[in-house]
Amino acid sequence: MNKKTDRGYADLHEHLRALEAAGLLVKVERAINKDTEMHPLVRWQFRGGIAERDRKAFLFNHVVDSRNRKYDIPVVVGALAASREIYRIGMNCPLEKINETWTRAARRWR
């Protein structure tokens, strides 16, 4: 589960650590081409290649493009809702309490 802080929710780094601890984060450390490799991988996962229960979040730490330009910002895909379990971890509640938790949070910000 995500660590709760005084702000009441996990930041992205904490959330990624929770996903990694749950075995739901794939870290890609080699250079990955955002134009020819990243997009097809993500598309395959969400367009029929992997069952929803088996989907993972991907963290690409060394992103390049087709011209071999390097990007110094990692890219994370699927870290918020690639699967029900990833969504549940992000919401920091049991699956059956997501609607209740979401409604309570929405009321808080009105």
Protein backbone atom coordinates (compact mmCIF):
# COMPACT_ATOMS: atom_id res chain seq x y z
CA MET A 1 0.00 0.00 0.00
CA ASN A 2 1.03 3.57 -0.51
CA LYS A 3 2.55 5.29 2.46
CA LYS A 4 0.25 7.97 3.78
CA THR A 5 1.89 11.27 4.55
CA ASP A 6 0.73 14.42 6.25
CA ARG A 7 -0.68 15.46 2.87
CA GLY A 8 -2.99 12.40 2.95
CA TYR A 9 -1.79 10.72 -0.24
CA ALA A 10 1.34 9.29 -1.78
CA ASP A 11 3.36 11.31 -4.28
CA LEU A 12 4.38 9.75 -7.60
CA HIS A 13 7.70 8.44 -6.28
CA GLU A 14 6.00 6.77 -3.30
CA HIS A 15 3.35 5.33 -5.60
CA LEU A 16 6.00 3.87 -7.92
CA ARG A 17 7.76 2.28 -4.94
CA ALA A 18 4.43 0.74 -3.86
CA LEU A 19 3.87 -0.64 -7.38
CA GLU A 20 7.40 -2.05 -7.45
CA ALA A 21 6.88 -3.71 -4.04
CA ALA A 22 3.66 -5.27 -5.39
CA GLY A 23 5.47 -6.58 -8.49
CA LEU A 24 3.48 -4.24 -10.74
CA LEU A 25 6.26 -2.02 -12.05
CA VAL A 26 8.65 -2.93 -14.86
CA LYS A 27 11.75 -0.74 -14.89
CA VAL A 28 13.35 -0.47 -18.32
CA GLU A 29 16.95 0.65 -17.87
CA ARG A 30 18.22 0.26 -21.44
CA ALA A 31 17.68 3.03 -23.97
CA ILE A 32 14.17 2.82 -25.40
CA ASN A 33 13.10 4.60 -28.55
CA LYS A 34 9.93 6.55 -27.81
CA ASP A 35 8.97 6.51 -31.50
CA THR A 36 9.50 2.87 -32.41
CA GLU A 37 9.56 0.85 -29.17
CA MET A 38 7.68 2.59 -26.37
CA HIS A 39 4.46 3.33 -28.22
CA PRO A 40 4.02 -0.21 -29.66
CA LEU A 41 4.69 -1.78 -26.25
CA VAL A 42 2.11 0.40 -24.55
CA ARG A 43 -0.38 -0.07 -27.37
CA TRP A 44 0.07 -3.85 -27.25
CA GLN A 45 -0.61 -3.91 -23.52
CA PHE A 46 -3.85 -1.94 -23.79
CA ARG A 47 -5.16 -3.14 -27.15
CA GLY A 48 -5.41 -6.86 -26.51
CA GLY A 49 -1.92 -8.14 -25.93
CA ILE A 50 -2.06 -8.56 -22.16
CA ALA A 51 -5.06 -9.45 -20.00
CA GLU A 52 -6.08 -6.60 -17.69
CA ARG A 53 -5.15 -8.58 -14.55
CA ASP A 54 -1.60 -9.08 -15.90
CA ARG A 55 -0.87 -5.48 -16.93
CA LYS A 56 1.97 -3.60 -15.33
CA ALA A 57 3.20 -0.05 -15.14
CA PHE A 58 6.40 0.67 -17.09
CA LEU A 59 9.11 3.12 -16.09
CA PHE A 60 11.44 3.99 -18.95
CA ASN A 61 14.56 5.62 -17.50
CA HIS A 62 16.56 6.21 -20.70
CA VAL A 63 14.34 7.58 -23.44
CA VAL A 64 15.67 8.37 -26.91
CA ASP A 65 14.02 9.16 -30.23
CA SER A 66 14.60 7.95 -33.77
CA ARG A 67 17.33 10.56 -34.24
CA ASN A 68 19.06 9.23 -31.11
CA ARG A 69 18.30 12.37 -29.12
CA LYS A 70 18.34 11.62 -25.42
CA TYR A 71 15.68 12.85 -23.02
CA ASP A 72 16.66 13.41 -19.41
CA ILE A 73 13.19 12.88 -17.97
CA PRO A 74 11.98 9.32 -17.35
CA VAL A 75 8.59 8.31 -18.73
CA VAL A 76 6.09 6.23 -16.76
CA VAL A 77 3.14 4.56 -18.47
CA GLY A 78 0.23 2.74 -16.87
CA ALA A 79 1.12 3.79 -13.32
CA LEU A 80 -2.32 5.11 -12.47
CA ALA A 81 -4.82 2.68 -13.93
CA ALA A 82 -3.27 -0.04 -16.11
CA SER A 83 -5.15 -2.56 -13.99
CA ARG A 84 -7.66 -2.63 -11.18
CA GLU A 85 -4.89 -3.55 -8.74
CA ILE A 86 -2.73 -0.61 -9.83
CA TYR A 87 -5.74 1.69 -9.48
CA ARG A 88 -6.51 0.24 -6.04
CA ILE A 89 -2.95 0.83 -4.86
CA GLY A 90 -3.13 4.40 -6.15
CA MET A 91 -6.41 4.99 -4.33
CA ASN A 92 -4.94 3.37 -1.19
CA CYS A 93 -8.11 1.44 -0.41
CA PRO A 94 -9.72 -1.95 -1.04
CA LEU A 95 -11.16 -2.42 -4.53
CA GLU A 96 -14.73 -2.47 -3.24
CA LYS A 97 -14.19 0.94 -1.55
CA ILE A 98 -12.94 2.85 -4.61
CA ASN A 99 -16.27 4.53 -5.42
CA GLU A 100 -16.74 5.57 -1.80
CA THR A 101 -13.16 6.84 -1.53
CA TRP A 102 -13.43 8.73 -4.83
CA THR A 103 -16.75 10.34 -3.84
CA ARG A 104 -15.37 11.40 -0.45
CA ALA A 105 -12.30 12.94 -2.11
CA ALA A 106 -14.40 14.78 -4.71
CA ARG A 107 -16.59 16.29 -1.98
CA ARG A 108 -13.52 17.52 -0.19
CA TRP A 109 -12.46 19.70 -3.14
CA ARG A 110 -15.78 21.34 -4.01
